[in-house]
Amino acid sequence: MSTDSTPALAKLRWRCRRGTKELDVLTTRYLESFYPDAPKAEQQAFEHMLTLQDPILYDILTVYTEFDDPLIEAIVLKLKP
């Protein structure tokens, strides 16, 4: 399934382009692998996550800094190696 099949998904794909390879890979991986089948609340959490500043998002996704939102924690756990 192409994640660019709707304008909303194409916009999300664009928002996944963060400027650092690690963030690009991780956010795009979630978008392609988990987002389409995720519950609406988790999709909204991912969309909120994309509004965070890059240093905060980087810490959450690579250093696994705790975040006060259990839905974002669920996303991070899906992306953990």
C-alpha atoms as a PDB file:
ATOM      1  CA  MET A   1       0.000   0.000   0.000  1.00  0.00           C
ATOM      2  CA  SER A   2       1.373   3.375  -0.925  1.00  0.00           C
ATOM      3  CA  THR A   3       1.259   5.785   1.987  1.00  0.00           C
ATOM      4  CA  ASP A   4       0.763   8.628  -0.499  1.00  0.00           C
ATOM      5  CA  SER A   5      -2.648   7.330  -1.590  1.00  0.00           C
ATOM      6  CA  THR A   6      -4.499  10.208   0.074  1.00  0.00           C
ATOM      7  CA  PRO A   7      -3.600  13.870   0.466  1.00  0.00           C
ATOM      8  CA  ALA A   8      -3.612  13.473   4.267  1.00  0.00           C
ATOM      9  CA  LEU A   9      -1.074  10.642   4.144  1.00  0.00           C
ATOM     10  CA  ALA A  10       1.059  12.518   1.635  1.00  0.00           C
ATOM     11  CA  LYS A  11       1.104  15.480   4.013  1.00  0.00           C
ATOM     12  CA  LEU A  12       2.128  13.210   6.899  1.00  0.00           C
ATOM     13  CA  ARG A  13       4.911  11.716   4.779  1.00  0.00           C
ATOM     14  CA  TRP A  14       6.183  15.236   4.148  1.00  0.00           C
ATOM     15  CA  ARG A  15       6.042  16.020   7.887  1.00  0.00           C
ATOM     16  CA  CYS A  16       8.153  12.894   8.537  1.00  0.00           C
ATOM     17  CA  ARG A  17      11.022  14.560   6.675  1.00  0.00           C
ATOM     18  CA  ARG A  18      12.817  16.065   9.630  1.00  0.00           C
ATOM     19  CA  GLY A  19      16.285  16.890   8.332  1.00  0.00           C
ATOM     20  CA  THR A  20      18.174  14.191  10.199  1.00  0.00           C
ATOM     21  CA  LYS A  21      18.453  10.730   8.747  1.00  0.00           C
ATOM     22  CA  GLU A  22      17.593   8.978  12.002  1.00  0.00           C
ATOM     23  CA  LEU A  23      14.350  10.902  12.487  1.00  0.00           C
ATOM     24  CA  ASP A  24      13.416  10.557   8.828  1.00  0.00           C
ATOM     25  CA  VAL A  25      13.874   6.787   8.968  1.00  0.00           C
ATOM     26  CA  LEU A  26      12.049   6.268  12.249  1.00  0.00           C
ATOM     27  CA  THR A  27       9.062   8.490  11.548  1.00  0.00           C
ATOM     28  CA  THR A  28       8.663   7.165   8.014  1.00  0.00           C
ATOM     29  CA  ARG A  29       8.959   3.585   9.282  1.00  0.00           C
ATOM     30  CA  TYR A  30       6.078   4.158  11.685  1.00  0.00           C
ATOM     31  CA  LEU A  31       4.013   5.872   8.984  1.00  0.00           C
ATOM     32  CA  GLU A  32       4.459   3.004   6.538  1.00  0.00           C
ATOM     33  CA  SER A  33       4.367   0.048   8.923  1.00  0.00           C
ATOM     34  CA  PHE A  34       1.980   0.956  11.706  1.00  0.00           C
ATOM     35  CA  TYR A  35       0.028   4.145  11.018  1.00  0.00           C
ATOM     36  CA  PRO A  36      -2.503   2.774   8.485  1.00  0.00           C
ATOM     37  CA  ASP A  37      -3.797   0.102  10.895  1.00  0.00           C
ATOM     38  CA  ALA A  38      -3.318   2.006  14.160  1.00  0.00           C
ATOM     39  CA  PRO A  39      -6.316   3.048  16.239  1.00  0.00           C
ATOM     40  CA  LYS A  40      -7.446   6.638  15.672  1.00  0.00           C
ATOM     41  CA  ALA A  41      -6.084   7.766  19.062  1.00  0.00           C
ATOM     42  CA  GLU A  42      -2.628   6.389  18.219  1.00  0.00           C
ATOM     43  CA  GLN A  43      -2.732   8.062  14.797  1.00  0.00           C
ATOM     44  CA  GLN A  44      -3.524  11.355  16.519  1.00  0.00           C
ATOM     45  CA  ALA A  45      -0.648  10.795  18.962  1.00  0.00           C
ATOM     46  CA  PHE A  46       1.720  10.237  16.025  1.00  0.00           C
ATOM     47  CA  GLU A  47       0.487  13.410  14.349  1.00  0.00           C
ATOM     48  CA  HIS A  48       1.059  15.278  17.623  1.00  0.00           C
ATOM     49  CA  MET A  49       4.512  13.726  17.908  1.00  0.00           C
ATOM     50  CA  LEU A  50       5.396  15.228  14.538  1.00  0.00           C
ATOM     51  CA  THR A  51       4.739  18.712  15.956  1.00  0.00           C
ATOM     52  CA  LEU A  52       7.507  18.309  18.548  1.00  0.00           C
ATOM     53  CA  GLN A  53      10.824  20.026  18.025  1.00  0.00           C
ATOM     54  CA  ASP A  54      13.515  17.827  16.513  1.00  0.00           C
ATOM     55  CA  PRO A  55      15.756  17.627  19.631  1.00  0.00           C
ATOM     56  CA  ILE A  56      12.815  16.467  21.743  1.00  0.00           C
ATOM     57  CA  LEU A  57      11.646  13.991  19.121  1.00  0.00           C
ATOM     58  CA  TYR A  58      15.201  12.702  18.685  1.00  0.00           C
ATOM     59  CA  ASP A  59      15.520  12.092  22.434  1.00  0.00           C
ATOM     60  CA  ILE A  60      12.181  10.316  22.569  1.00  0.00           C
ATOM     61  CA  LEU A  61      12.951   8.037  19.625  1.00  0.00           C
ATOM     62  CA  THR A  62      16.662   7.343  20.066  1.00  0.00           C
ATOM     63  CA  VAL A  63      17.484   7.838  23.731  1.00  0.00           C
ATOM     64  CA  TYR A  64      14.019   6.649  24.750  1.00  0.00           C
ATOM     65  CA  THR A  65      13.368   9.590  27.008  1.00  0.00           C
ATOM     66  CA  GLU A  66      10.098   9.039  28.808  1.00  0.00           C
ATOM     67  CA  PHE A  67       7.130  10.998  27.550  1.00  0.00           C
ATOM     68  CA  ASP A  68       3.994  11.654  29.566  1.00  0.00           C
ATOM     69  CA  ASP A  69       1.683  10.359  26.859  1.00  0.00           C
ATOM     70  CA  PRO A  70       1.085   6.581  26.919  1.00  0.00           C
ATOM     71  CA  LEU A  71       0.124   6.580  23.238  1.00  0.00           C
ATOM     72  CA  ILE A  72       3.442   8.148  22.258  1.00  0.00           C
ATOM     73  CA  GLU A  73       5.179   5.612  24.487  1.00  0.00           C
ATOM     74  CA  ALA A  74       3.369   2.871  22.522  1.00  0.00           C
ATOM     75  CA  ILE A  75       4.659   4.323  19.253  1.00  0.00           C
ATOM     76  CA  VAL A  76       8.216   4.460  20.612  1.00  0.00           C
ATOM     77  CA  LEU A  77       8.025   0.847  21.767  1.00  0.00           C
ATOM     78  CA  LYS A  78       6.950  -0.234  18.257  1.00  0.00           C
ATOM     79  CA  LEU A  79      10.033   1.458  16.806  1.00  0.00           C
ATOM     80  CA  LYS A  80      12.494   0.137  19.374  1.00  0.00           C
ATOM     81  CA  PRO A  81      14.995  -2.310  17.901  1.00  0.00           C
END
